PDB file of N, CA and C in Angstrom:
ATOM      1  N   MET A   1      -8.022  45.813  14.431  1.00  0.00           N
ATOM      2  CA  MET A   1      -7.187  45.206  13.413  1.00  0.00           C
ATOM      3  C   MET A   1      -6.947  46.229  12.315  1.00  0.00           C
ATOM      4  N   SER A   2      -5.698  46.395  11.941  1.00  0.00           N
ATOM      5  CA  SER A   2      -5.385  47.391  10.915  1.00  0.00           C
ATOM      6  C   SER A   2      -5.526  46.783   9.530  1.00  0.00           C
ATOM      7  N   TRP A   3      -5.718  47.637   8.587  1.00  0.00           N
ATOM      8  CA  TRP A   3      -5.915  47.204   7.203  1.00  0.00           C
ATOM      9  C   TRP A   3      -4.575  47.050   6.517  1.00  0.00           C
ATOM     10  N   ALA A   4      -4.332  45.888   5.878  1.00  0.00           N
ATOM     11  CA  ALA A   4      -3.091  45.611   5.155  1.00  0.00           C
ATOM     12  C   ALA A   4      -3.469  45.199   3.732  1.00  0.00           C
ATOM     13  N   PRO A   5      -3.520  46.159   2.816  1.00  0.00           N
ATOM     14  CA  PRO A   5      -4.048  45.873   1.479  1.00  0.00           C
ATOM     15  C   PRO A   5      -3.221  44.876   0.670  1.00  0.00           C
ATOM     16  N   PHE A   6      -1.919  44.818   0.849  1.00  0.00           N
ATOM     17  CA  PHE A   6      -1.114  43.956   0.009  1.00  0.00           C
ATOM     18  C   PHE A   6      -0.756  42.635   0.685  1.00  0.00           C
ATOM     19  N   ASN A   7      -1.009  42.503   1.947  1.00  0.00           N
ATOM     20  CA  ASN A   7      -0.716  41.261   2.656  1.00  0.00           C
ATOM     21  C   ASN A   7      -1.974  40.626   3.223  1.00  0.00           C
ATOM     22  N   SER A   8      -3.131  40.930   2.655  1.00  0.00           N
ATOM     23  CA  SER A   8      -4.374  40.470   3.246  1.00  0.00           C
ATOM     24  C   SER A   8      -4.601  38.973   3.066  1.00  0.00           C
ATOM     25  N   ILE A   9      -4.296  38.408   1.905  1.00  0.00           N
ATOM     26  CA  ILE A   9      -4.575  36.990   1.670  1.00  0.00           C
ATOM     27  C   ILE A   9      -3.296  36.165   1.678  1.00  0.00           C
ATOM     28  N   ILE A  10      -2.334  36.542   0.879  1.00  0.00           N
ATOM     29  CA  ILE A  10      -1.086  35.788   0.734  1.00  0.00           C
ATOM     30  C   ILE A  10       0.066  36.706   1.103  1.00  0.00           C
ATOM     31  N   ASN A  11       0.999  36.175   1.829  1.00  0.00           N
ATOM     32  CA  ASN A  11       2.162  36.968   2.199  1.00  0.00           C
ATOM     33  C   ASN A  11       3.073  37.115   0.977  1.00  0.00           C
ATOM     34  N   ASN A  12       3.156  38.312   0.443  1.00  0.00           N
ATOM     35  CA  ASN A  12       3.933  38.571  -0.773  1.00  0.00           C
ATOM     36  C   ASN A  12       5.419  38.317  -0.569  1.00  0.00           C
ATOM     37  N   HIS A  13       5.916  38.530   0.607  1.00  0.00           N
ATOM     38  CA  HIS A  13       7.341  38.332   0.870  1.00  0.00           C
ATOM     39  C   HIS A  13       7.727  36.866   0.722  1.00  0.00           C
ATOM     40  N   ASP A  14       6.852  35.956   1.170  1.00  0.00           N
ATOM     41  CA  ASP A  14       7.126  34.533   1.024  1.00  0.00           C
ATOM     42  C   ASP A  14       7.142  34.124  -0.441  1.00  0.00           C
ATOM     43  N   ILE A  15       6.239  34.655  -1.216  1.00  0.00           N
ATOM     44  CA  ILE A  15       6.186  34.338  -2.643  1.00  0.00           C
ATOM     45  C   ILE A  15       7.424  34.860  -3.352  1.00  0.00           C
ATOM     46  N   MET A  16       7.836  36.068  -3.041  1.00  0.00           N
ATOM     47  CA  MET A  16       9.037  36.637  -3.671  1.00  0.00           C
ATOM     48  C   MET A  16      10.281  35.854  -3.281  1.00  0.00           C
ATOM     49  N   ASP A  17      10.372  35.417  -2.026  1.00  0.00           N
ATOM     50  CA  ASP A  17      11.514  34.611  -1.588  1.00  0.00           C
ATOM     51  C   ASP A  17      11.563  33.289  -2.338  1.00  0.00           C
ATOM     52  N   ASP A  18      10.402  32.669  -2.555  1.00  0.00           N
ATOM     53  CA  ASP A  18      10.350  31.413  -3.309  1.00  0.00           C
ATOM     54  C   ASP A  18      10.792  31.619  -4.756  1.00  0.00           C
ATOM     55  N   ILE A  19      10.375  32.703  -5.358  1.00  0.00           N
ATOM     56  CA  ILE A  19      10.754  32.989  -6.745  1.00  0.00           C
ATOM     57  C   ILE A  19      12.255  33.231  -6.846  1.00  0.00           C
ATOM     58  N   LYS A  20      12.816  33.996  -5.931  1.00  0.00           N
ATOM     59  CA  LYS A  20      14.254  34.262  -5.948  1.00  0.00           C
ATOM     60  C   LYS A  20      15.051  32.982  -5.735  1.00  0.00           C
ATOM     61  N   GLU A  21      14.569  32.116  -4.844  1.00  0.00           N
ATOM     62  CA  GLU A  21      15.272  30.866  -4.590  1.00  0.00           C
ATOM     63  C   GLU A  21      15.245  29.953  -5.816  1.00  0.00           C
ATOM     64  N   LYS A  22      14.120  29.895  -6.502  1.00  0.00           N
ATOM     65  CA  LYS A  22      14.019  29.052  -7.699  1.00  0.00           C
ATOM     66  C   LYS A  22      14.880  29.584  -8.836  1.00  0.00           C
ATOM     67  N   GLU A  23      15.107  30.889  -8.875  1.00  0.00           N
ATOM     68  CA  GLU A  23      15.976  31.466  -9.907  1.00  0.00           C
ATOM     69  C   GLU A  23      17.428  31.064  -9.705  1.00  0.00           C
ATOM     70  N   THR A  24      17.814  30.739  -8.497  1.00  0.00           N
ATOM     71  CA  THR A  24      19.194  30.359  -8.220  1.00  0.00           C
ATOM     72  C   THR A  24      19.437  28.866  -8.398  1.00  0.00           C
ATOM     73  N   TYR A  25      18.422  28.096  -8.743  1.00  0.00           N
ATOM     74  CA  TYR A  25      18.596  26.658  -8.951  1.00  0.00           C
ATOM     75  C   TYR A  25      19.565  26.406 -10.092  1.00  0.00           C
ATOM     76  N   ILE A  26      20.416  25.422  -9.916  1.00  0.00           N
ATOM     77  CA  ILE A  26      21.397  25.049 -10.919  1.00  0.00           C
ATOM     78  C   ILE A  26      21.114  23.622 -11.352  1.00  0.00           C
ATOM     79  N   ILE A  27      21.143  23.392 -12.643  1.00  0.00           N
ATOM     80  CA  ILE A  27      20.947  22.044 -13.171  1.00  0.00           C
ATOM     81  C   ILE A  27      22.262  21.288 -13.075  1.00  0.00           C
ATOM     82  N   LYS A  28      22.195  20.063 -12.575  1.00  0.00           N
ATOM     83  CA  LYS A  28      23.401  19.252 -12.401  1.00  0.00           C
ATOM     84  C   LYS A  28      24.005  18.935 -13.769  1.00  0.00           C
ATOM     85  N   PRO A  29      25.300  19.225 -13.948  1.00  0.00           N
ATOM     86  CA  PRO A  29      25.927  18.958 -15.249  1.00  0.00           C
ATOM     87  C   PRO A  29      26.155  17.464 -15.467  1.00  0.00           C
ATOM     88  N   ASN A  30      26.136  17.068 -16.731  1.00  0.00           N
ATOM     89  CA  ASN A  30      26.454  15.691 -17.110  1.00  0.00           C
ATOM     90  C   ASN A  30      27.894  15.653 -17.598  1.00  0.00           C
ATOM     91  N   TYR A  31      28.635  14.645 -17.147  1.00  0.00           N
ATOM     92  CA  TYR A  31      30.048  14.545 -17.502  1.00  0.00           C
ATOM     93  C   TYR A  31      30.315  13.347 -18.390  1.00  0.00           C
ATOM     94  N   THR A  32      31.361  13.468 -19.186  1.00  0.00           N
ATOM     95  CA  THR A  32      31.812  12.350 -20.002  1.00  0.00           C
ATOM     96  C   THR A  32      32.655  11.425 -19.134  1.00  0.00           C
ATOM     97  N   GLU A  33      32.974  10.271 -19.671  1.00  0.00           N
ATOM     98  CA  GLU A  33      33.807   9.314 -18.939  1.00  0.00           C
ATOM     99  C   GLU A  33      35.181   9.912 -18.623  1.00  0.00           C
ATOM    100  N   GLU A  34      35.732  10.683 -19.547  1.00  0.00           N
ATOM    101  CA  GLU A  34      37.046  11.294 -19.332  1.00  0.00           C
ATOM    102  C   GLU A  34      37.006  12.291 -18.184  1.00  0.00           C
ATOM    103  N   GLN A  35      35.946  13.080 -18.117  1.00  0.00           N
ATOM    104  CA  GLN A  35      35.813  14.055 -17.047  1.00  0.00           C
ATOM    105  C   GLN A  35      35.644  13.365 -15.690  1.00  0.00           C
ATOM    106  N   LEU A  36      34.881  12.272 -15.658  1.00  0.00           N
ATOM    107  CA  LEU A  36      34.706  11.525 -14.420  1.00  0.00           C
ATOM    108  C   LEU A  36      36.018  10.884 -13.973  1.00  0.00           C
ATOM    109  N   GLU A  37      36.796  10.389 -14.916  1.00  0.00           N
ATOM    110  CA  GLU A  37      38.098   9.814 -14.585  1.00  0.00           C
ATOM    111  C   GLU A  37      39.047  10.884 -14.047  1.00  0.00           C
ATOM    112  N   ALA A  38      38.971  12.094 -14.590  1.00  0.00           N
ATOM    113  CA  ALA A  38      39.816  13.187 -14.093  1.00  0.00           C
ATOM    114  C   ALA A  38      39.450  13.541 -12.656  1.00  0.00           C
ATOM    115  N   ILE A  39      38.165  13.584 -12.342  1.00  0.00           N
ATOM    116  CA  ILE A  39      37.731  13.855 -10.974  1.00  0.00           C
ATOM    117  C   ILE A  39      38.190  12.737 -10.044  1.00  0.00           C
ATOM    118  N   GLU A  40      38.058  11.499 -10.494  1.00  0.00           N
ATOM    119  CA  GLU A  40      38.495  10.357  -9.682  1.00  0.00           C
ATOM    120  C   GLU A  40      39.999  10.412  -9.414  1.00  0.00           C
ATOM    121  N   THR A  41      40.767  10.787 -10.421  1.00  0.00           N
ATOM    122  CA  THR A  41      42.214  10.910 -10.250  1.00  0.00           C
ATOM    123  C   THR A  41      42.548  11.989  -9.224  1.00  0.00           C
ATOM    124  N   LYS A  42      41.857  13.127  -9.284  1.00  0.00           N
ATOM    125  CA  LYS A  42      42.085  14.203  -8.310  1.00  0.00           C
ATOM    126  C   LYS A  42      41.737  13.751  -6.894  1.00  0.00           C
ATOM    127  N   ILE A  43      40.688  12.953  -6.767  1.00  0.00           N
ATOM    128  CA  ILE A  43      40.304  12.439  -5.455  1.00  0.00           C
ATOM    129  C   ILE A  43      41.402  11.538  -4.903  1.00  0.00           C
ATOM    130  N   LEU A  44      41.891  10.616  -5.721  1.00  0.00           N
ATOM    131  CA  LEU A  44      42.939   9.700  -5.276  1.00  0.00           C
ATOM    132  C   LEU A  44      44.227  10.436  -4.924  1.00  0.00           C
ATOM    133  N   GLU A  45      44.598  11.428  -5.732  1.00  0.00           N
ATOM    134  CA  GLU A  45      45.801  12.220  -5.445  1.00  0.00           C
ATOM    135  C   GLU A  45      45.647  12.989  -4.134  1.00  0.00           C
ATOM    136  N   SER A  46      44.472  13.561  -3.922  1.00  0.00           N
ATOM    137  CA  SER A  46      44.222  14.317  -2.691  1.00  0.00           C
ATOM    138  C   SER A  46      44.235  13.398  -1.471  1.00  0.00           C
ATOM    139  N   TYR A  47      43.691  12.202  -1.641  1.00  0.00           N
ATOM    140  CA  TYR A  47      43.645  11.255  -0.528  1.00  0.00           C
ATOM    141  C   TYR A  47      45.048  10.779  -0.144  1.00  0.00           C
ATOM    142  N   THR A  48      45.859  10.459  -1.140  1.00  0.00           N
ATOM    143  CA  THR A  48      47.201   9.956  -0.831  1.00  0.00           C
ATOM    144  C   THR A  48      48.121  11.055  -0.295  1.00  0.00           C
ATOM    145  N   SER A  49      47.971  12.282  -0.777  1.00  0.00           N
ATOM    146  CA  SER A  49      48.842  13.368  -0.323  1.00  0.00           C
ATOM    147  C   SER A  49      48.335  14.035   0.952  1.00  0.00           C
ATOM    148  N   GLN A  50      47.066  13.786   1.313  1.00  0.00           N
ATOM    149  CA  GLN A  50      46.450  14.380   2.497  1.00  0.00           C
ATOM    150  C   GLN A  50      46.543  15.906   2.493  1.00  0.00           C
ATOM    151  N   LYS A  51      46.313  16.489   1.325  1.00  0.00           N
ATOM    152  CA  LYS A  51      46.308  17.944   1.193  1.00  0.00           C
ATOM    153  C   LYS A  51      44.893  18.489   1.392  1.00  0.00           C
ATOM    154  N   ASN A  52      44.819  19.717   1.840  1.00  0.00           N
ATOM    155  CA  ASN A  52      43.554  20.407   2.001  1.00  0.00           C
ATOM    156  C   ASN A  52      43.019  20.784   0.626  1.00  0.00           C
ATOM    157  N   ILE A  53      41.769  20.428   0.334  1.00  0.00           N
ATOM    158  CA  ILE A  53      41.178  20.693  -0.981  1.00  0.00           C
ATOM    159  C   ILE A  53      39.808  21.344  -0.815  1.00  0.00           C
ATOM    160  N   THR A  54      39.283  21.839  -1.930  1.00  0.00           N
ATOM    161  CA  THR A  54      37.928  22.365  -1.976  1.00  0.00           C
ATOM    162  C   THR A  54      37.157  21.564  -3.013  1.00  0.00           C
ATOM    163  N   ILE A  55      36.049  21.005  -2.603  1.00  0.00           N
ATOM    164  CA  ILE A  55      35.186  20.229  -3.493  1.00  0.00           C
ATOM    165  C   ILE A  55      33.917  21.018  -3.735  1.00  0.00           C
ATOM    166  N   ASP A  56      33.573  21.211  -5.006  1.00  0.00           N
ATOM    167  CA  ASP A  56      32.286  21.797  -5.362  1.00  0.00           C
ATOM    168  C   ASP A  56      31.288  20.652  -5.435  1.00  0.00           C
ATOM    169  N   TYR A  57      30.305  20.660  -4.536  1.00  0.00           N
ATOM    170  CA  TYR A  57      29.381  19.536  -4.378  1.00  0.00           C
ATOM    171  C   TYR A  57      27.960  19.980  -4.708  1.00  0.00           C
ATOM    172  N   TYR A  58      27.275  19.179  -5.508  1.00  0.00           N
ATOM    173  CA  TYR A  58      25.909  19.476  -5.924  1.00  0.00           C
ATOM    174  C   TYR A  58      24.923  18.909  -4.910  1.00  0.00           C
ATOM    175  N   SER A  59      24.119  19.780  -4.306  1.00  0.00           N
ATOM    176  CA  SER A  59      23.131  19.339  -3.331  1.00  0.00           C
ATOM    177  C   SER A  59      21.949  20.306  -3.338  1.00  0.00           C
ATOM    178  N   ASN A  60      20.754  19.767  -3.405  1.00  0.00           N
ATOM    179  CA  ASN A  60      19.521  20.570  -3.369  1.00  0.00           C
ATOM    180  C   ASN A  60      19.522  21.685  -4.410  1.00  0.00           C
ATOM    181  N   ASN A  61      19.883  21.350  -5.624  1.00  0.00           N
ATOM    182  CA  ASN A  61      19.882  22.280  -6.761  1.00  0.00           C
ATOM    183  C   ASN A  61      20.835  23.453  -6.599  1.00  0.00           C
ATOM    184  N   LYS A  62      21.859  23.264  -5.779  1.00  0.00           N
ATOM    185  CA  LYS A  62      22.879  24.293  -5.584  1.00  0.00           C
ATOM    186  C   LYS A  62      24.251  23.635  -5.559  1.00  0.00           C
ATOM    187  N   ILE A  63      25.279  24.429  -5.804  1.00  0.00           N
ATOM    188  CA  ILE A  63      26.647  23.941  -5.702  1.00  0.00           C
ATOM    189  C   ILE A  63      27.245  24.518  -4.428  1.00  0.00           C
ATOM    190  N   ILE A  64      27.707  23.619  -3.565  1.00  0.00           N
ATOM    191  CA  ILE A  64      28.221  24.002  -2.258  1.00  0.00           C
ATOM    192  C   ILE A  64      29.714  23.709  -2.207  1.00  0.00           C
ATOM    193  N   PRO A  65      30.551  24.688  -1.877  1.00  0.00           N
ATOM    194  CA  PRO A  65      31.990  24.404  -1.710  1.00  0.00           C
ATOM    195  C   PRO A  65      32.254  23.797  -0.331  1.00  0.00           C
ATOM    196  N   ILE A  66      32.982  22.691  -0.318  1.00  0.00           N
ATOM    197  CA  ILE A  66      33.325  22.014   0.930  1.00  0.00           C
ATOM    198  C   ILE A  66      34.834  21.884   0.995  1.00  0.00           C
ATOM    199  N   LYS A  67      35.428  22.407   2.070  1.00  0.00           N
ATOM    200  CA  LYS A  67      36.879  22.372   2.241  1.00  0.00           C
ATOM    201  C   LYS A  67      37.256  21.336   3.280  1.00  0.00           C
ATOM    202  N   GLY A  68      38.412  20.701   3.057  1.00  0.00           N
ATOM    203  CA  GLY A  68      38.888  19.750   4.041  1.00  0.00           C
ATOM    204  C   GLY A  68      39.873  18.766   3.442  1.00  0.00           C
ATOM    205  N   ILE A  69      40.150  17.717   4.212  1.00  0.00           N
ATOM    206  CA  ILE A  69      41.062  16.658   3.801  1.00  0.00           C
ATOM    207  C   ILE A  69      40.250  15.366   3.700  1.00  0.00           C
ATOM    208  N   ILE A  70      40.412  14.661   2.607  1.00  0.00           N
ATOM    209  CA  ILE A  70      39.711  13.395   2.423  1.00  0.00           C
ATOM    210  C   ILE A  70      40.308  12.375   3.388  1.00  0.00           C
ATOM    211  N   SER A  71      39.469  11.859   4.277  1.00  0.00           N
ATOM    212  CA  SER A  71      39.969  10.909   5.269  1.00  0.00           C
ATOM    213  C   SER A  71      39.573   9.471   4.963  1.00  0.00           C
ATOM    214  N   LYS A  72      38.604   9.276   4.078  1.00  0.00           N
ATOM    215  CA  LYS A  72      38.172   7.918   3.761  1.00  0.00           C
ATOM    216  C   LYS A  72      37.539   7.887   2.379  1.00  0.00           C
ATOM    217  N   ILE A  73      37.803   6.815   1.640  1.00  0.00           N
ATOM    218  CA  ILE A  73      37.154   6.564   0.348  1.00  0.00           C
ATOM    219  C   ILE A  73      36.391   5.260   0.476  1.00  0.00           C
ATOM    220  N   ASP A  74      35.105   5.283   0.160  1.00  0.00           N
ATOM    221  CA  ASP A  74      34.254   4.099   0.239  1.00  0.00           C
ATOM    222  C   ASP A  74      33.859   3.688  -1.180  1.00  0.00           C
ATOM    223  N   PRO A  75      34.603   2.730  -1.790  1.00  0.00           N
ATOM    224  CA  PRO A  75      34.304   2.359  -3.174  1.00  0.00           C
ATOM    225  C   PRO A  75      32.997   1.580  -3.332  1.00  0.00           C
ATOM    226  N   ILE A  76      32.519   0.941  -2.277  1.00  0.00           N
ATOM    227  CA  ILE A  76      31.280   0.169  -2.372  1.00  0.00           C
ATOM    228  C   ILE A  76      30.086   1.094  -2.581  1.00  0.00           C
ATOM    229  N   TYR A  77      30.001   2.145  -1.774  1.00  0.00           N
ATOM    230  CA  TYR A  77      28.895   3.101  -1.880  1.00  0.00           C
ATOM    231  C   TYR A  77      29.242   4.311  -2.748  1.00  0.00           C
ATOM    232  N   LYS A  78      30.435   4.317  -3.299  1.00  0.00           N
ATOM    233  CA  LYS A  78      30.909   5.399  -4.176  1.00  0.00           C
ATOM    234  C   LYS A  78      30.778   6.761  -3.504  1.00  0.00           C
ATOM    235  N   ARG A  79      31.451   6.877  -2.344  1.00  0.00           N
ATOM    236  CA  ARG A  79      31.427   8.134  -1.619  1.00  0.00           C
ATOM    237  C   ARG A  79      32.770   8.334  -0.923  1.00  0.00           C
ATOM    238  N   ILE A  80      33.004   9.597  -0.531  1.00  0.00           N
ATOM    239  CA  ILE A  80      34.217   9.933   0.213  1.00  0.00           C
ATOM    240  C   ILE A  80      33.799  10.605   1.513  1.00  0.00           C
ATOM    241  N   TYR A  81      34.702  10.583   2.480  1.00  0.00           N
ATOM    242  CA  TYR A  81      34.454  11.204   3.769  1.00  0.00           C
ATOM    243  C   TYR A  81      35.399  12.386   3.918  1.00  0.00           C
ATOM    244  N   ILE A  82      34.823  13.578   4.041  1.00  0.00           N
ATOM    245  CA  ILE A  82      35.608  14.806   4.171  1.00  0.00           C
ATOM    246  C   ILE A  82      34.857  15.761   5.093  1.00  0.00           C
ATOM    247  N   SER A  83      35.572  16.387   5.991  1.00  0.00           N
ATOM    248  CA  SER A  83      34.989  17.386   6.908  1.00  0.00           C
ATOM    249  C   SER A  83      33.745  16.865   7.628  1.00  0.00           C
ATOM    250  N   ASN A  84      33.840  15.646   8.147  1.00  0.00           N
ATOM    251  CA  ASN A  84      32.744  15.020   8.896  1.00  0.00           C
ATOM    252  C   ASN A  84      31.476  14.823   8.079  1.00  0.00           C
ATOM    253  N   LYS A  85      31.625  14.677   6.759  1.00  0.00           N
ATOM    254  CA  LYS A  85      30.478  14.464   5.876  1.00  0.00           C
ATOM    255  C   LYS A  85      30.831  13.402   4.850  1.00  0.00           C
ATOM    256  N   TYR A  86      29.822  12.633   4.460  1.00  0.00           N
ATOM    257  CA  TYR A  86      29.976  11.734   3.325  1.00  0.00           C
ATOM    258  C   TYR A  86      29.499  12.459   2.079  1.00  0.00           C
ATOM    259  N   LEU A  87      30.309  12.448   1.041  1.00  0.00           N
ATOM    260  CA  LEU A  87      29.944  13.052  -0.239  1.00  0.00           C
ATOM    261  C   LEU A  87      29.903  11.957  -1.298  1.00  0.00           C
ATOM    262  N   TYR A  88      28.830  11.884  -2.015  1.00  0.00           N
ATOM    263  CA  TYR A  88      28.707  10.884  -3.071  1.00  0.00           C
ATOM    264  C   TYR A  88      29.436  11.346  -4.321  1.00  0.00           C
ATOM    265  N   PHE A  89      30.162  10.411  -4.917  1.00  0.00           N
ATOM    266  CA  PHE A  89      30.976  10.705  -6.082  1.00  0.00           C
ATOM    267  C   PHE A  89      30.151  11.311  -7.211  1.00  0.00           C
ATOM    268  N   ASN A  90      28.933  10.826  -7.397  1.00  0.00           N
ATOM    269  CA  ASN A  90      28.083  11.309  -8.496  1.00  0.00           C
ATOM    270  C   ASN A  90      27.704  12.779  -8.357  1.00  0.00           C
ATOM    271  N   ASN A  91      27.812  13.328  -7.160  1.00  0.00           N
ATOM    272  CA  ASN A  91      27.432  14.729  -6.941  1.00  0.00           C
ATOM    273  C   ASN A  91      28.621  15.677  -6.847  1.00  0.00           C
ATOM    274  N   ILE A  92      29.823  15.164  -7.043  1.00  0.00           N
ATOM    275  CA  ILE A  92      31.000  16.023  -7.025  1.00  0.00           C
ATOM    276  C   ILE A  92      31.118  16.713  -8.384  1.00  0.00           C
ATOM    277  N   ILE A  93      31.182  18.019  -8.367  1.00  0.00           N
ATOM    278  CA  ILE A  93      31.253  18.805  -9.595  1.00  0.00           C
ATOM    279  C   ILE A  93      32.693  19.104  -9.987  1.00  0.00           C
ATOM    280  N   ASP A  94      33.506  19.516  -9.008  1.00  0.00           N
ATOM    281  CA  ASP A  94      34.896  19.878  -9.294  1.00  0.00           C
ATOM    282  C   ASP A  94      35.713  19.785  -8.024  1.00  0.00           C
ATOM    283  N   ILE A  95      37.027  19.598  -8.191  1.00  0.00           N
ATOM    284  CA  ILE A  95      37.952  19.567  -7.070  1.00  0.00           C
ATOM    285  C   ILE A  95      39.057  20.562  -7.346  1.00  0.00           C
ATOM    286  N   LYS A  96      39.347  21.410  -6.358  1.00  0.00           N
ATOM    287  CA  LYS A  96      40.387  22.427  -6.503  1.00  0.00           C
ATOM    288  C   LYS A  96      41.407  22.256  -5.415  1.00  0.00           C
TER     289      LYS A  96
END
């Protein structure tokens, strides 16, 4: 068995990866009623026009861009269906 002075007890690479990942965490922004209404209006316009859009979606402390066409709006559960995924309205950050 060879001697590994820096990896003997804890794998340093795993610790560094965890630290780098935590540095990229983003705090979910809070929106006013006006901002939420603007996002809702963009969703309705995109749904009726069936245009390809990009949604910035908050998930797991990151913002993920999702492209596609909104094919369904579910007002009961407050979510939309785009690109074979359900996205909850509360986690939508922006629509482009």
